[in-house]
């Protein structure tokens, strides 16, 4: 995480993150599996470190507007069909981790630890720390699939 500035670390700390953070995600894991989601070790590792963090900031970012996010996977409940279908189409396994822009978009982590925006289209924010930096600084995700006509 050497490409992450001290300012970004400070922003994470203000949200409740700290080095070595590891929260218990067992309840989330059970409920997600019961709801039909694919749950994998990369998603659980992301949730242990970042789960429960909420950011209400908005405003101008680097390449897009900074949008609020909530890293609570329970906000994705009832959407397993969407996540699993996109996983099938893109040949990835998406583990839900929360939502972006007050529920306008969902967030998921794939088995390679990349964070994705999931909606009726899919975009990648990149791997864990880079993705979190992008969320905090308003970096636009890269479209992976622009949906269907």
C-alpha atoms as a PDB file:
ATOM      1  CA  UNK A   1       0.000   0.000   0.000  1.00  0.00           C
ATOM      2  CA  UNK A   2       2.972   2.252  -0.540  1.00  0.00           C
ATOM      3  CA  UNK A   3       1.135   4.276  -3.224  1.00  0.00           C
ATOM      4  CA  UNK A   4      -1.444   5.409  -0.659  1.00  0.00           C
ATOM      5  CA  UNK A   5      -0.907   8.900   0.736  1.00  0.00           C
ATOM      6  CA  UNK A   6      -0.948   9.745   4.432  1.00  0.00           C
ATOM      7  CA  UNK A   7      -4.011  11.897   3.738  1.00  0.00           C
ATOM      8  CA  UNK A   8      -5.946   8.847   2.512  1.00  0.00           C
ATOM      9  CA  UNK A   9      -4.873   6.867   5.589  1.00  0.00           C
ATOM     10  CA  UNK A  10      -6.119   9.741   7.729  1.00  0.00           C
ATOM     11  CA  UNK A  11      -9.453   9.726   5.882  1.00  0.00           C
ATOM     12  CA  UNK A  12      -9.760   5.978   6.535  1.00  0.00           C
ATOM     13  CA  UNK A  13      -8.941   6.523  10.217  1.00  0.00           C
ATOM     14  CA  UNK A  14     -11.686   9.142  10.466  1.00  0.00           C
ATOM     15  CA  UNK A  15     -14.131   6.499   9.181  1.00  0.00           C
ATOM     16  CA  UNK A  16     -13.005   4.032  11.864  1.00  0.00           C
ATOM     17  CA  UNK A  17     -10.285   2.082  10.047  1.00  0.00           C
ATOM     18  CA  UNK A  18      -6.928   1.419  11.712  1.00  0.00           C
ATOM     19  CA  UNK A  19      -3.877  -0.676  10.783  1.00  0.00           C
ATOM     20  CA  UNK A  20      -4.537  -4.333  11.570  1.00  0.00           C
ATOM     21  CA  UNK A  21      -8.328  -3.830  11.747  1.00  0.00           C
ATOM     22  CA  UNK A  22     -10.118  -7.171  11.734  1.00  0.00           C
ATOM     23  CA  UNK A  23     -13.806  -7.277  12.625  1.00  0.00           C
ATOM     24  CA  UNK A  24     -15.901 -10.422  13.045  1.00  0.00           C
ATOM     25  CA  UNK A  25     -17.798 -11.156   9.818  1.00  0.00           C
ATOM     26  CA  UNK A  26     -19.241 -14.579  10.710  1.00  0.00           C
ATOM     27  CA  UNK A  27     -22.841 -13.308  10.952  1.00  0.00           C
ATOM     28  CA  UNK A  28     -22.593 -11.511   7.621  1.00  0.00           C
ATOM     29  CA  UNK A  29     -21.101 -14.626   6.028  1.00  0.00           C
ATOM     30  CA  UNK A  30     -23.976 -16.829   7.254  1.00  0.00           C
ATOM     31  CA  UNK A  31     -26.688 -14.412   6.182  1.00  0.00           C
ATOM     32  CA  UNK A  32     -25.155 -13.809   2.757  1.00  0.00           C
ATOM     33  CA  UNK A  33     -24.823 -17.548   2.078  1.00  0.00           C
ATOM     34  CA  UNK A  34     -28.407 -18.111   3.258  1.00  0.00           C
ATOM     35  CA  UNK A  35     -29.571 -15.420   0.802  1.00  0.00           C
ATOM     36  CA  UNK A  36     -27.821 -17.164  -2.122  1.00  0.00           C
ATOM     37  CA  UNK A  37     -24.691 -15.042  -2.475  1.00  0.00           C
ATOM     38  CA  UNK A  38     -21.300 -16.418  -3.348  1.00  0.00           C
ATOM     39  CA  UNK A  39     -18.993 -15.700  -0.423  1.00  0.00           C
ATOM     40  CA  UNK A  40     -15.238 -16.203  -0.798  1.00  0.00           C
ATOM     41  CA  UNK A  41     -12.074 -15.535   1.180  1.00  0.00           C
ATOM     42  CA  UNK A  42     -11.182 -12.301  -0.675  1.00  0.00           C
ATOM     43  CA  UNK A  43     -14.604 -10.819   0.056  1.00  0.00           C
ATOM     44  CA  UNK A  44     -14.415 -11.838   3.696  1.00  0.00           C
ATOM     45  CA  UNK A  45     -10.893 -10.403   4.017  1.00  0.00           C
ATOM     46  CA  UNK A  46     -12.114  -7.083   2.562  1.00  0.00           C
ATOM     47  CA  UNK A  47     -15.055  -7.038   4.984  1.00  0.00           C
ATOM     48  CA  UNK A  48     -12.830  -7.861   7.972  1.00  0.00           C
ATOM     49  CA  UNK A  49     -10.679  -4.834   7.178  1.00  0.00           C
ATOM     50  CA  UNK A  50     -13.216  -2.344   5.800  1.00  0.00           C
ATOM     51  CA  UNK A  51     -16.685  -3.705   6.714  1.00  0.00           C
ATOM     52  CA  UNK A  52     -18.894  -1.308   8.637  1.00  0.00           C
ATOM     53  CA  UNK A  53     -17.120   1.817   7.398  1.00  0.00           C
ATOM     54  CA  UNK A  54     -19.425   4.566   6.160  1.00  0.00           C
ATOM     55  CA  UNK A  55     -18.548   7.757   4.346  1.00  0.00           C
ATOM     56  CA  UNK A  56     -21.120  10.485   3.829  1.00  0.00           C
ATOM     57  CA  UNK A  57     -18.786  12.827   1.927  1.00  0.00           C
ATOM     58  CA  UNK A  58     -19.717  14.161  -1.459  1.00  0.00           C
ATOM     59  CA  UNK A  59     -18.298  16.774  -3.775  1.00  0.00           C
ATOM     60  CA  UNK A  60     -15.775  17.177  -6.522  1.00  0.00           C
ATOM     61  CA  UNK A  61     -13.334  14.326  -6.979  1.00  0.00           C
ATOM     62  CA  UNK A  62     -10.438  13.580  -9.305  1.00  0.00           C
ATOM     63  CA  UNK A  63     -12.390  12.064 -12.197  1.00  0.00           C
ATOM     64  CA  UNK A  64     -15.960  11.917 -10.856  1.00  0.00           C
ATOM     65  CA  UNK A  65     -18.090  13.198  -8.015  1.00  0.00           C
ATOM     66  CA  UNK A  66     -17.219  11.787  -4.598  1.00  0.00           C
ATOM     67  CA  UNK A  67     -20.212   9.694  -3.552  1.00  0.00           C
ATOM     68  CA  UNK A  68     -21.173   8.404  -0.118  1.00  0.00           C
ATOM     69  CA  UNK A  69     -20.646   4.709   0.521  1.00  0.00           C
ATOM     70  CA  UNK A  70     -21.610   2.216   3.196  1.00  0.00           C
ATOM     71  CA  UNK A  71     -19.595  -0.995   3.511  1.00  0.00           C
ATOM     72  CA  UNK A  72     -22.384  -3.110   4.982  1.00  0.00           C
ATOM     73  CA  UNK A  73     -23.078  -6.219   2.877  1.00  0.00           C
ATOM     74  CA  UNK A  74     -26.557  -6.567   4.389  1.00  0.00           C
ATOM     75  CA  UNK A  75     -27.584  -3.620   2.194  1.00  0.00           C
ATOM     76  CA  UNK A  76     -27.275  -6.026  -0.764  1.00  0.00           C
ATOM     77  CA  UNK A  77     -29.724  -8.600   0.597  1.00  0.00           C
ATOM     78  CA  UNK A  78     -32.271  -9.787  -1.945  1.00  0.00           C
ATOM     79  CA  UNK A  79     -29.918  -9.056  -4.868  1.00  0.00           C
ATOM     80  CA  UNK A  80     -28.082 -12.383  -5.109  1.00  0.00           C
ATOM     81  CA  UNK A  81     -29.598 -13.066  -8.546  1.00  0.00           C
ATOM     82  CA  UNK A  82     -28.052  -9.845  -9.888  1.00  0.00           C
ATOM     83  CA  UNK A  83     -24.631 -10.566  -8.380  1.00  0.00           C
ATOM     84  CA  UNK A  84     -24.615 -14.211  -9.462  1.00  0.00           C
ATOM     85  CA  UNK A  85     -25.780 -13.397 -13.017  1.00  0.00           C
ATOM     86  CA  UNK A  86     -23.054 -10.780 -13.458  1.00  0.00           C
ATOM     87  CA  UNK A  87     -20.586 -13.279 -12.021  1.00  0.00           C
ATOM     88  CA  UNK A  88     -21.661 -15.840 -14.601  1.00  0.00           C
ATOM     89  CA  UNK A  89     -21.474 -13.350 -17.489  1.00  0.00           C
ATOM     90  CA  UNK A  90     -18.063 -11.980 -16.446  1.00  0.00           C
ATOM     91  CA  UNK A  91     -16.701 -15.314 -15.182  1.00  0.00           C
ATOM     92  CA  UNK A  92     -16.077 -13.896 -11.716  1.00  0.00           C
ATOM     93  CA  UNK A  93     -17.388 -14.576  -8.256  1.00  0.00           C
ATOM     94  CA  UNK A  94     -18.845 -11.428  -6.663  1.00  0.00           C
ATOM     95  CA  UNK A  95     -19.129 -11.176  -2.890  1.00  0.00           C
ATOM     96  CA  UNK A  96     -21.316  -8.215  -1.830  1.00  0.00           C
ATOM     97  CA  UNK A  97     -19.689  -5.650   0.463  1.00  0.00           C
ATOM     98  CA  UNK A  98     -22.051  -2.654   0.499  1.00  0.00           C
ATOM     99  CA  UNK A  99     -23.513   0.172  -1.497  1.00  0.00           C
ATOM    100  CA  UNK A 100     -22.475   3.413  -3.164  1.00  0.00           C
ATOM    101  CA  UNK A 101     -24.314   6.714  -3.622  1.00  0.00           C
ATOM    102  CA  UNK A 102     -27.009   6.049  -1.010  1.00  0.00           C
ATOM    103  CA  UNK A 103     -28.101   2.756  -2.570  1.00  0.00           C
ATOM    104  CA  UNK A 104     -27.918   3.764  -6.220  1.00  0.00           C
ATOM    105  CA  UNK A 105     -25.184   1.158  -6.813  1.00  0.00           C
ATOM    106  CA  UNK A 106     -23.995  -1.977  -5.061  1.00  0.00           C
ATOM    107  CA  UNK A 107     -20.375  -2.804  -4.254  1.00  0.00           C
ATOM    108  CA  UNK A 108     -18.770  -6.248  -4.505  1.00  0.00           C
ATOM    109  CA  UNK A 109     -15.334  -7.832  -4.280  1.00  0.00           C
ATOM    110  CA  UNK A 110     -14.242 -10.581  -6.658  1.00  0.00           C
ATOM    111  CA  UNK A 111     -11.990 -13.524  -5.786  1.00  0.00           C
ATOM    112  CA  UNK A 112      -8.897 -11.530  -6.834  1.00  0.00           C
ATOM    113  CA  UNK A 113      -9.726  -8.784  -4.267  1.00  0.00           C
ATOM    114  CA  UNK A 114     -10.888  -6.160  -6.779  1.00  0.00           C
ATOM    115  CA  UNK A 115     -13.775  -3.887  -5.834  1.00  0.00           C
ATOM    116  CA  UNK A 116     -16.637  -3.523  -8.326  1.00  0.00           C
ATOM    117  CA  UNK A 117     -19.661  -1.325  -8.788  1.00  0.00           C
ATOM    118  CA  UNK A 118     -22.607  -3.626  -9.590  1.00  0.00           C
ATOM    119  CA  UNK A 119     -25.823  -2.308 -11.104  1.00  0.00           C
ATOM    120  CA  UNK A 120     -27.344  -2.894 -14.523  1.00  0.00           C
ATOM    121  CA  UNK A 121     -23.727  -2.422 -15.626  1.00  0.00           C
ATOM    122  CA  UNK A 122     -20.432  -3.311 -13.924  1.00  0.00           C
ATOM    123  CA  UNK A 123     -17.265  -1.269 -13.317  1.00  0.00           C
ATOM    124  CA  UNK A 124     -14.012  -1.934 -11.458  1.00  0.00           C
ATOM    125  CA  UNK A 125     -12.390   0.303  -8.847  1.00  0.00           C
ATOM    126  CA  UNK A 126      -9.330  -1.986  -8.748  1.00  0.00           C
ATOM    127  CA  UNK A 127      -7.781  -3.889  -5.830  1.00  0.00           C
ATOM    128  CA  UNK A 128      -8.554  -3.222  -2.127  1.00  0.00           C
ATOM    129  CA  UNK A 129      -6.457  -0.265  -0.979  1.00  0.00           C
ATOM    130  CA  UNK A 130      -6.427   1.336  -4.433  1.00  0.00           C
ATOM    131  CA  UNK A 131     -10.211   0.951  -4.626  1.00  0.00           C
ATOM    132  CA  UNK A 132     -10.724   2.498  -1.210  1.00  0.00           C
ATOM    133  CA  UNK A 133      -8.520   5.410  -2.222  1.00  0.00           C
ATOM    134  CA  UNK A 134     -10.625   5.843  -5.366  1.00  0.00           C
ATOM    135  CA  UNK A 135     -13.867   5.848  -3.382  1.00  0.00           C
ATOM    136  CA  UNK A 136     -12.542   8.485  -0.973  1.00  0.00           C
ATOM    137  CA  UNK A 137     -10.971  10.694  -3.644  1.00  0.00           C
ATOM    138  CA  UNK A 138     -13.605  10.427  -6.378  1.00  0.00           C
ATOM    139  CA  UNK A 139     -11.797   8.313  -8.964  1.00  0.00           C
ATOM    140  CA  UNK A 140     -14.123   6.888 -11.616  1.00  0.00           C
ATOM    141  CA  UNK A 141     -14.235   3.103 -11.892  1.00  0.00           C
ATOM    142  CA  UNK A 142     -13.381   1.463 -15.225  1.00  0.00           C
ATOM    143  CA  UNK A 143     -16.439   0.040 -16.995  1.00  0.00           C
ATOM    144  CA  UNK A 144     -16.158  -3.732 -17.387  1.00  0.00           C
ATOM    145  CA  UNK A 145     -19.573  -4.320 -18.993  1.00  0.00           C
ATOM    146  CA  UNK A 146     -21.965  -1.557 -19.973  1.00  0.00           C
ATOM    147  CA  UNK A 147     -25.121  -3.623 -19.640  1.00  0.00           C
ATOM    148  CA  UNK A 148     -27.641  -4.746 -22.164  1.00  0.00           C
ATOM    149  CA  UNK A 149     -29.854  -2.870 -24.594  1.00  0.00           C
END
